[in-house]
C-alpha cells in the first residue's frame, strides 16, 4: 500500500511556494528525512522558514491522528489500520 506523509502548509506562504522552483525538491527531501529519522522538518520558501512542515510519515496500513494548530502539527496516536473494505 505504500507510505503517507502528513504535511502542514502555511497558506500565507502560497505565493512564495508557487514561485520557488526548488520547493518540490525540498519538500521531497524533507519527507525522506522524516521517513528515515523521525521528528519533523520545516521546508523553506521565499522568506518563510516554515512554509511547510513535514510532521510525520507512516505506512498506509496504519491510521495516524494528528492535531494541527499554531502552524504546526503533533501526532496524537498511531495504530494499525482497521479497514472496512473487504479484500477478495
N, C-alpha and C. Protein backbone atom coordinates (compact mmCIF):
# COMPACT_ATOMS: atom_id res chain seq x y z
N UNK A 1 0.81 -1.20 0.00
CA UNK A 1 0.00 0.00 0.00
C UNK A 1 0.85 1.25 0.00
N UNK A 2 2.06 1.21 0.44
CA UNK A 2 2.91 2.39 0.40
C UNK A 2 2.96 3.13 1.72
N UNK A 3 3.38 4.37 1.64
CA UNK A 3 3.55 5.21 2.81
C UNK A 3 2.85 6.55 2.60
N UNK A 4 2.50 7.20 3.69
CA UNK A 4 1.87 8.52 3.68
C UNK A 4 2.71 9.48 4.50
N UNK A 5 2.59 10.76 4.19
CA UNK A 5 3.24 11.82 4.96
C UNK A 5 2.20 12.87 5.31
N UNK A 6 2.28 13.39 6.53
CA UNK A 6 1.43 14.49 6.95
C UNK A 6 2.24 15.77 6.85
N UNK A 7 1.72 16.74 6.08
CA UNK A 7 2.42 18.00 5.85
C UNK A 7 1.47 19.15 6.14
N UNK A 8 1.92 20.11 6.95
CA UNK A 8 1.16 21.33 7.21
C UNK A 8 1.72 22.41 6.30
N UNK A 9 0.85 23.06 5.53
CA UNK A 9 1.26 24.12 4.61
C UNK A 9 0.71 25.44 5.12
N UNK A 10 1.59 26.45 5.24
CA UNK A 10 1.14 27.79 5.64
C UNK A 10 0.50 28.48 4.44
N UNK A 11 -0.78 28.76 4.53
CA UNK A 11 -1.49 29.41 3.44
C UNK A 11 -0.88 30.77 3.13
N UNK A 12 -0.36 31.46 4.14
CA UNK A 12 0.28 32.77 3.93
C UNK A 12 1.51 32.67 3.04
N UNK A 13 2.06 31.47 2.87
CA UNK A 13 3.28 31.30 2.09
C UNK A 13 3.01 30.78 0.68
N UNK A 14 1.75 30.70 0.26
CA UNK A 14 1.44 30.11 -1.04
C UNK A 14 2.11 30.84 -2.21
N UNK A 15 2.19 32.15 -2.16
CA UNK A 15 2.86 32.88 -3.25
C UNK A 15 4.31 32.48 -3.35
N UNK A 16 5.00 32.43 -2.22
CA UNK A 16 6.41 32.03 -2.21
C UNK A 16 6.58 30.58 -2.65
N UNK A 17 5.66 29.70 -2.22
CA UNK A 17 5.72 28.30 -2.63
C UNK A 17 5.57 28.20 -4.14
N UNK A 18 4.61 28.90 -4.68
CA UNK A 18 4.36 28.86 -6.13
C UNK A 18 5.55 29.35 -6.93
N UNK A 19 6.26 30.34 -6.42
CA UNK A 19 7.36 30.95 -7.16
C UNK A 19 8.71 30.29 -6.89
N UNK A 20 8.79 29.38 -5.95
CA UNK A 20 10.06 28.74 -5.59
C UNK A 20 10.26 27.47 -6.43
N UNK A 21 11.19 27.49 -7.39
CA UNK A 21 11.37 26.32 -8.26
C UNK A 21 11.96 25.12 -7.53
N UNK A 22 12.51 25.31 -6.34
CA UNK A 22 13.10 24.21 -5.58
C UNK A 22 12.17 23.64 -4.50
N UNK A 23 10.99 24.24 -4.34
CA UNK A 23 10.12 23.82 -3.24
C UNK A 23 9.76 22.35 -3.31
N UNK A 24 9.38 21.85 -4.46
CA UNK A 24 9.01 20.44 -4.59
C UNK A 24 10.16 19.53 -4.22
N UNK A 25 11.37 19.87 -4.69
CA UNK A 25 12.54 19.07 -4.35
C UNK A 25 12.80 19.13 -2.85
N UNK A 26 12.72 20.32 -2.27
CA UNK A 26 12.96 20.48 -0.82
C UNK A 26 11.92 19.74 0.01
N UNK A 27 10.67 19.75 -0.45
CA UNK A 27 9.62 19.02 0.25
C UNK A 27 9.89 17.52 0.19
N UNK A 28 10.25 17.01 -0.97
CA UNK A 28 10.56 15.59 -1.11
C UNK A 28 11.74 15.20 -0.21
N UNK A 29 12.76 16.05 -0.15
CA UNK A 29 13.92 15.76 0.71
C UNK A 29 13.52 15.74 2.18
N UNK A 30 12.63 16.66 2.58
CA UNK A 30 12.17 16.70 3.97
C UNK A 30 11.36 15.46 4.31
N UNK A 31 10.51 15.02 3.40
CA UNK A 31 9.72 13.81 3.63
C UNK A 31 10.64 12.60 3.77
N UNK A 32 11.65 12.51 2.90
CA UNK A 32 12.61 11.41 3.02
C UNK A 32 13.33 11.43 4.36
N UNK A 33 13.70 12.61 4.83
CA UNK A 33 14.42 12.74 6.11
C UNK A 33 13.53 12.29 7.27
N UNK A 34 12.29 12.76 7.29
CA UNK A 34 11.37 12.37 8.37
C UNK A 34 11.08 10.88 8.30
N UNK A 35 10.94 10.35 7.10
CA UNK A 35 10.67 8.93 6.94
C UNK A 35 11.81 8.08 7.49
N UNK A 36 13.04 8.54 7.30
CA UNK A 36 14.21 7.77 7.76
C UNK A 36 14.55 7.99 9.23
N UNK A 37 14.42 9.24 9.69
CA UNK A 37 14.95 9.58 11.01
C UNK A 37 13.90 10.03 12.02
N UNK A 38 12.65 10.21 11.59
CA UNK A 38 11.62 10.68 12.50
C UNK A 38 11.71 12.18 12.74
N UNK A 39 11.03 12.65 13.75
CA UNK A 39 11.00 14.08 14.04
C UNK A 39 10.14 14.80 13.02
N UNK A 40 10.31 16.10 12.92
CA UNK A 40 9.61 16.90 11.92
C UNK A 40 10.64 17.81 11.26
N UNK A 41 10.31 18.27 10.05
CA UNK A 41 11.24 19.10 9.29
C UNK A 41 10.48 20.24 8.64
N UNK A 42 10.98 21.47 8.81
CA UNK A 42 10.42 22.64 8.14
C UNK A 42 10.98 22.74 6.72
N UNK A 43 10.15 23.24 5.80
CA UNK A 43 10.55 23.44 4.41
C UNK A 43 10.41 24.93 4.09
N UNK A 44 11.49 25.54 3.66
CA UNK A 44 11.51 26.96 3.35
C UNK A 44 10.93 27.25 1.97
N UNK A 45 10.41 28.46 1.81
CA UNK A 45 10.03 29.02 0.51
C UNK A 45 10.06 30.53 0.67
N UNK A 46 10.83 31.21 -0.17
CA UNK A 46 10.95 32.65 -0.05
C UNK A 46 11.46 33.03 1.33
N UNK A 47 10.77 33.97 1.98
CA UNK A 47 11.20 34.41 3.31
C UNK A 47 10.51 33.64 4.43
N UNK A 48 9.80 32.56 4.09
CA UNK A 48 9.13 31.73 5.09
C UNK A 48 10.01 30.54 5.43
N UNK A 49 10.50 30.50 6.66
CA UNK A 49 11.33 29.39 7.11
C UNK A 49 10.54 28.12 7.30
N UNK A 50 9.22 28.27 7.49
CA UNK A 50 8.36 27.10 7.67
C UNK A 50 7.13 27.23 6.76
N UNK A 51 7.38 27.41 5.47
CA UNK A 51 6.28 27.48 4.51
C UNK A 51 5.46 26.19 4.57
N UNK A 52 6.15 25.09 4.83
CA UNK A 52 5.50 23.80 5.06
C UNK A 52 6.31 23.07 6.13
N UNK A 53 5.66 22.19 6.85
CA UNK A 53 6.33 21.36 7.84
C UNK A 53 5.88 19.93 7.66
N UNK A 54 6.85 19.04 7.48
CA UNK A 54 6.54 17.61 7.43
C UNK A 54 6.44 17.15 8.88
N UNK A 55 5.27 16.69 9.27
CA UNK A 55 5.00 16.32 10.65
C UNK A 55 5.40 14.88 10.94
N UNK A 56 5.04 13.98 10.04
CA UNK A 56 5.34 12.57 10.27
C UNK A 56 5.15 11.79 8.98
N UNK A 57 5.66 10.57 8.96
CA UNK A 57 5.45 9.62 7.87
C UNK A 57 5.06 8.28 8.49
N UNK A 58 4.18 7.57 7.80
CA UNK A 58 3.75 6.27 8.32
C UNK A 58 3.33 5.36 7.18
N UNK A 59 3.31 4.06 7.46
CA UNK A 59 2.85 3.09 6.48
C UNK A 59 1.34 3.24 6.31
N UNK A 60 0.88 3.05 5.09
CA UNK A 60 -0.54 3.23 4.78
C UNK A 60 -1.44 2.22 5.51
N UNK A 61 -0.86 1.17 6.06
CA UNK A 61 -1.66 0.21 6.84
C UNK A 61 -1.95 0.72 8.25
N UNK A 62 -1.44 1.88 8.62
CA UNK A 62 -1.68 2.46 9.95
C UNK A 62 -2.50 3.74 9.80
N UNK A 63 -3.31 4.01 10.79
CA UNK A 63 -4.03 5.27 10.88
C UNK A 63 -3.30 6.14 11.89
N UNK A 64 -3.15 7.42 11.59
CA UNK A 64 -2.46 8.34 12.48
C UNK A 64 -3.39 9.53 12.74
N UNK A 65 -3.55 9.88 14.00
CA UNK A 65 -4.34 11.05 14.37
C UNK A 65 -3.35 12.18 14.66
N UNK A 66 -3.51 13.31 13.93
CA UNK A 66 -2.59 14.43 14.06
C UNK A 66 -3.39 15.68 14.43
N UNK A 67 -2.94 16.37 15.46
CA UNK A 67 -3.52 17.65 15.88
C UNK A 67 -2.75 18.75 15.15
N UNK A 68 -3.46 19.68 14.50
CA UNK A 68 -2.81 20.76 13.76
C UNK A 68 -3.27 22.10 14.32
N UNK A 69 -2.30 22.98 14.56
CA UNK A 69 -2.58 24.34 15.01
C UNK A 69 -1.29 25.08 15.26
N UNK A 70 -1.37 26.39 15.25
CA UNK A 70 -0.18 27.20 15.51
C UNK A 70 0.92 26.98 14.48
N UNK A 71 0.53 26.74 13.21
CA UNK A 71 1.48 26.49 12.13
C UNK A 71 2.30 25.23 12.36
N UNK A 72 1.76 24.27 13.09
CA UNK A 72 2.49 23.05 13.37
C UNK A 72 1.50 21.90 13.55
N UNK A 73 2.00 20.71 13.74
CA UNK A 73 1.17 19.54 13.98
C UNK A 73 1.85 18.62 14.96
N UNK A 74 1.05 17.78 15.59
CA UNK A 74 1.58 16.84 16.59
C UNK A 74 0.83 15.52 16.46
N UNK A 75 1.57 14.42 16.42
CA UNK A 75 0.96 13.10 16.36
C UNK A 75 0.34 12.79 17.72
N UNK A 76 -0.95 12.47 17.73
CA UNK A 76 -1.62 12.09 18.96
C UNK A 76 -1.62 10.59 19.15
N UNK A 77 -1.83 9.84 18.08
CA UNK A 77 -1.81 8.38 18.17
C UNK A 77 -1.55 7.77 16.82
N UNK A 78 -1.04 6.55 16.84
CA UNK A 78 -0.73 5.80 15.64
C UNK A 78 -1.12 4.36 15.92
N UNK A 79 -2.02 3.79 15.12
CA UNK A 79 -2.45 2.43 15.38
C UNK A 79 -2.72 1.71 14.06
N UNK A 80 -2.69 0.36 14.08
CA UNK A 80 -2.92 -0.40 12.84
C UNK A 80 -4.27 -0.07 12.24
N UNK A 81 -4.29 0.02 10.94
CA UNK A 81 -5.50 0.35 10.19
C UNK A 81 -6.50 -0.79 10.25
N UNK A 82 -7.75 -0.46 10.51
CA UNK A 82 -8.81 -1.45 10.50
C UNK A 82 -9.77 -1.07 9.38
N UNK A 83 -9.49 -1.58 8.20
CA UNK A 83 -10.25 -1.20 7.03
C UNK A 83 -11.63 -1.85 7.04
N UNK A 84 -12.61 -1.10 6.58
CA UNK A 84 -13.96 -1.66 6.44
C UNK A 84 -14.12 -2.31 5.06
N UNK A 85 -13.11 -2.16 4.21
CA UNK A 85 -13.16 -2.77 2.89
C UNK A 85 -12.87 -4.26 2.98
N UNK A 86 -13.62 -5.04 2.21
CA UNK A 86 -13.36 -6.48 2.17
C UNK A 86 -12.34 -6.75 1.07
N UNK A 87 -11.36 -7.54 1.40
CA UNK A 87 -10.39 -7.97 0.40
C UNK A 87 -10.79 -9.32 -0.12
N UNK A 88 -10.89 -9.47 -1.43
CA UNK A 88 -11.30 -10.75 -2.01
C UNK A 88 -10.21 -11.31 -2.88
